Amino acid sequence: MVKENKHEAAKEVLTAQQRRSLQASDFGLPQERQFPMPDAKHVRAAESYFRYASDRKKPELAHRILMKAQKYGVDVESPEILDWSKKY
């Protein structure tokens, strides 16, 4: 069995129709509908793309990544995400 890594998770792309069908709560930034996280693979992808979020949005995104990670059983070890989540 091949172990999945974070970079492979980023390859999981949603179609436009799948993205439109997601609820706002499935996104790391629901107001902008950015950083979709409907499953564990997308939580890992959001974690890997976290650095591209603006500093203004990072506290909320970090918080939501950790919430979704807990829901889907994903271990988030990024010190950056853990630190930013404390500012939410």
C-alpha atoms as a PDB file:
ATOM      1  CA  MET A   1       0.000   0.000   0.000  1.00  0.00           C
ATOM      2  CA  VAL A   2       1.325   3.431  -0.964  1.00  0.00           C
ATOM      3  CA  LYS A   3       1.231   6.104   1.689  1.00  0.00           C
ATOM      4  CA  GLU A   4      -0.340   9.385   0.560  1.00  0.00           C
ATOM      5  CA  ASN A   5       1.602  12.566   1.149  1.00  0.00           C
ATOM      6  CA  LYS A   6       0.536  16.229   1.285  1.00  0.00           C
ATOM      7  CA  HIS A   7       1.658  16.931  -2.277  1.00  0.00           C
ATOM      8  CA  GLU A   8      -0.528  14.165  -3.651  1.00  0.00           C
ATOM      9  CA  ALA A   9      -3.509  15.647  -1.830  1.00  0.00           C
ATOM     10  CA  ALA A  10      -3.111  18.880  -3.760  1.00  0.00           C
ATOM     11  CA  LYS A  11      -3.716  16.966  -6.999  1.00  0.00           C
ATOM     12  CA  GLU A  12      -7.311  16.222  -5.952  1.00  0.00           C
ATOM     13  CA  VAL A  13      -9.127  18.928  -7.914  1.00  0.00           C
ATOM     14  CA  LEU A  14     -12.846  19.615  -7.646  1.00  0.00           C
ATOM     15  CA  THR A  15     -14.823  20.306 -10.782  1.00  0.00           C
ATOM     16  CA  ALA A  16     -16.690  23.608 -10.977  1.00  0.00           C
ATOM     17  CA  GLN A  17     -19.962  21.762 -10.456  1.00  0.00           C
ATOM     18  CA  GLN A  18     -18.637  19.923  -7.376  1.00  0.00           C
ATOM     19  CA  ARG A  19     -17.307  23.179  -5.946  1.00  0.00           C
ATOM     20  CA  ARG A  20     -20.645  24.957  -6.478  1.00  0.00           C
ATOM     21  CA  SER A  21     -22.473  22.130  -4.721  1.00  0.00           C
ATOM     22  CA  LEU A  22     -20.421  22.522  -1.523  1.00  0.00           C
ATOM     23  CA  GLN A  23     -21.913  24.321   1.445  1.00  0.00           C
ATOM     24  CA  ALA A  24     -20.207  27.483   2.664  1.00  0.00           C
ATOM     25  CA  SER A  25     -19.139  25.579   5.798  1.00  0.00           C
ATOM     26  CA  ASP A  26     -17.036  23.261   3.599  1.00  0.00           C
ATOM     27  CA  PHE A  27     -14.630  26.109   2.848  1.00  0.00           C
ATOM     28  CA  GLY A  28     -11.740  27.417   4.906  1.00  0.00           C
ATOM     29  CA  LEU A  29     -12.819  30.935   3.968  1.00  0.00           C
ATOM     30  CA  PRO A  30     -16.575  30.596   3.501  1.00  0.00           C
ATOM     31  CA  GLN A  31     -17.244  34.227   2.523  1.00  0.00           C
ATOM     32  CA  GLU A  32     -14.883  33.919  -0.452  1.00  0.00           C
ATOM     33  CA  ARG A  33     -15.559  30.188  -1.003  1.00  0.00           C
ATOM     34  CA  GLN A  34     -11.813  29.569  -0.957  1.00  0.00           C
ATOM     35  CA  PHE A  35      -9.887  26.571   0.382  1.00  0.00           C
ATOM     36  CA  PRO A  36     -12.542  23.850  -0.039  1.00  0.00           C
ATOM     37  CA  MET A  37     -12.320  21.067   2.559  1.00  0.00           C
ATOM     38  CA  PRO A  38     -15.086  18.510   1.931  1.00  0.00           C
ATOM     39  CA  ASP A  39     -12.811  15.594   2.897  1.00  0.00           C
ATOM     40  CA  ALA A  40      -9.433  14.654   4.391  1.00  0.00           C
ATOM     41  CA  LYS A  41      -7.537  15.054   1.098  1.00  0.00           C
ATOM     42  CA  HIS A  42      -8.744  18.617   0.742  1.00  0.00           C
ATOM     43  CA  VAL A  43      -7.883  19.421   4.368  1.00  0.00           C
ATOM     44  CA  ARG A  44      -4.306  18.394   3.555  1.00  0.00           C
ATOM     45  CA  ALA A  45      -4.406  20.492   0.391  1.00  0.00           C
ATOM     46  CA  ALA A  46      -5.647  23.527   2.353  1.00  0.00           C
ATOM     47  CA  GLU A  47      -2.810  22.960   4.801  1.00  0.00           C
ATOM     48  CA  SER A  48      -0.268  22.935   1.983  1.00  0.00           C
ATOM     49  CA  TYR A  49      -1.726  26.100   0.389  1.00  0.00           C
ATOM     50  CA  PHE A  50      -2.143  27.958   3.700  1.00  0.00           C
ATOM     51  CA  ARG A  51       0.877  30.163   3.022  1.00  0.00           C
ATOM     52  CA  TYR A  52      -0.941  31.791   0.086  1.00  0.00           C
ATOM     53  CA  ALA A  53      -3.718  33.228   2.264  1.00  0.00           C
ATOM     54  CA  SER A  54      -3.431  36.861   3.282  1.00  0.00           C
ATOM     55  CA  ASP A  55      -2.269  37.531   6.835  1.00  0.00           C
ATOM     56  CA  ARG A  56      -5.676  39.070   7.516  1.00  0.00           C
ATOM     57  CA  LYS A  57      -7.407  35.766   6.659  1.00  0.00           C
ATOM     58  CA  LYS A  58      -4.883  33.330   8.171  1.00  0.00           C
ATOM     59  CA  PRO A  59      -6.368  33.196  11.714  1.00  0.00           C
ATOM     60  CA  GLU A  60      -9.792  32.150  10.432  1.00  0.00           C
ATOM     61  CA  LEU A  61      -8.356  29.746   7.864  1.00  0.00           C
ATOM     62  CA  ALA A  62      -6.059  28.119  10.434  1.00  0.00           C
ATOM     63  CA  HIS A  63      -8.974  27.694  12.826  1.00  0.00           C
ATOM     64  CA  ARG A  64     -11.150  26.113  10.140  1.00  0.00           C
ATOM     65  CA  ILE A  65      -8.345  23.820   8.960  1.00  0.00           C
ATOM     66  CA  LEU A  66      -7.960  22.518  12.515  1.00  0.00           C
ATOM     67  CA  MET A  67     -11.728  22.023  12.874  1.00  0.00           C
ATOM     68  CA  LYS A  68     -11.957  20.072   9.609  1.00  0.00           C
ATOM     69  CA  ALA A  69      -8.782  18.157  10.424  1.00  0.00           C
ATOM     70  CA  GLN A  70     -10.331  16.971  13.676  1.00  0.00           C
ATOM     71  CA  LYS A  71     -13.537  15.992  11.863  1.00  0.00           C
ATOM     72  CA  TYR A  72     -11.693  13.921   9.244  1.00  0.00           C
ATOM     73  CA  GLY A  73      -8.913  12.556  11.470  1.00  0.00           C
ATOM     74  CA  VAL A  74      -6.086  14.542   9.886  1.00  0.00           C
ATOM     75  CA  ASP A  75      -3.015  15.378  11.979  1.00  0.00           C
ATOM     76  CA  VAL A  76      -1.946  18.987  11.475  1.00  0.00           C
ATOM     77  CA  GLU A  77       1.618  19.466  12.640  1.00  0.00           C
ATOM     78  CA  SER A  78       2.357  22.781  10.950  1.00  0.00           C
ATOM     79  CA  PRO A  79       3.629  25.198  13.617  1.00  0.00           C
ATOM     80  CA  GLU A  80       2.505  28.071  11.386  1.00  0.00           C
ATOM     81  CA  ILE A  81      -1.119  26.889  11.292  1.00  0.00           C
ATOM     82  CA  LEU A  82      -1.124  26.114  15.006  1.00  0.00           C
ATOM     83  CA  ASP A  83       0.246  29.595  15.805  1.00  0.00           C
ATOM     84  CA  TRP A  84      -2.161  31.444  13.503  1.00  0.00           C
ATOM     85  CA  SER A  85      -5.154  29.540  14.906  1.00  0.00           C
ATOM     86  CA  LYS A  86      -4.462  31.071  18.327  1.00  0.00           C
ATOM     87  CA  LYS A  87      -5.122  34.518  16.832  1.00  0.00           C
ATOM     88  CA  TYR A  88      -8.685  33.689  15.753  1.00  0.00           C
END
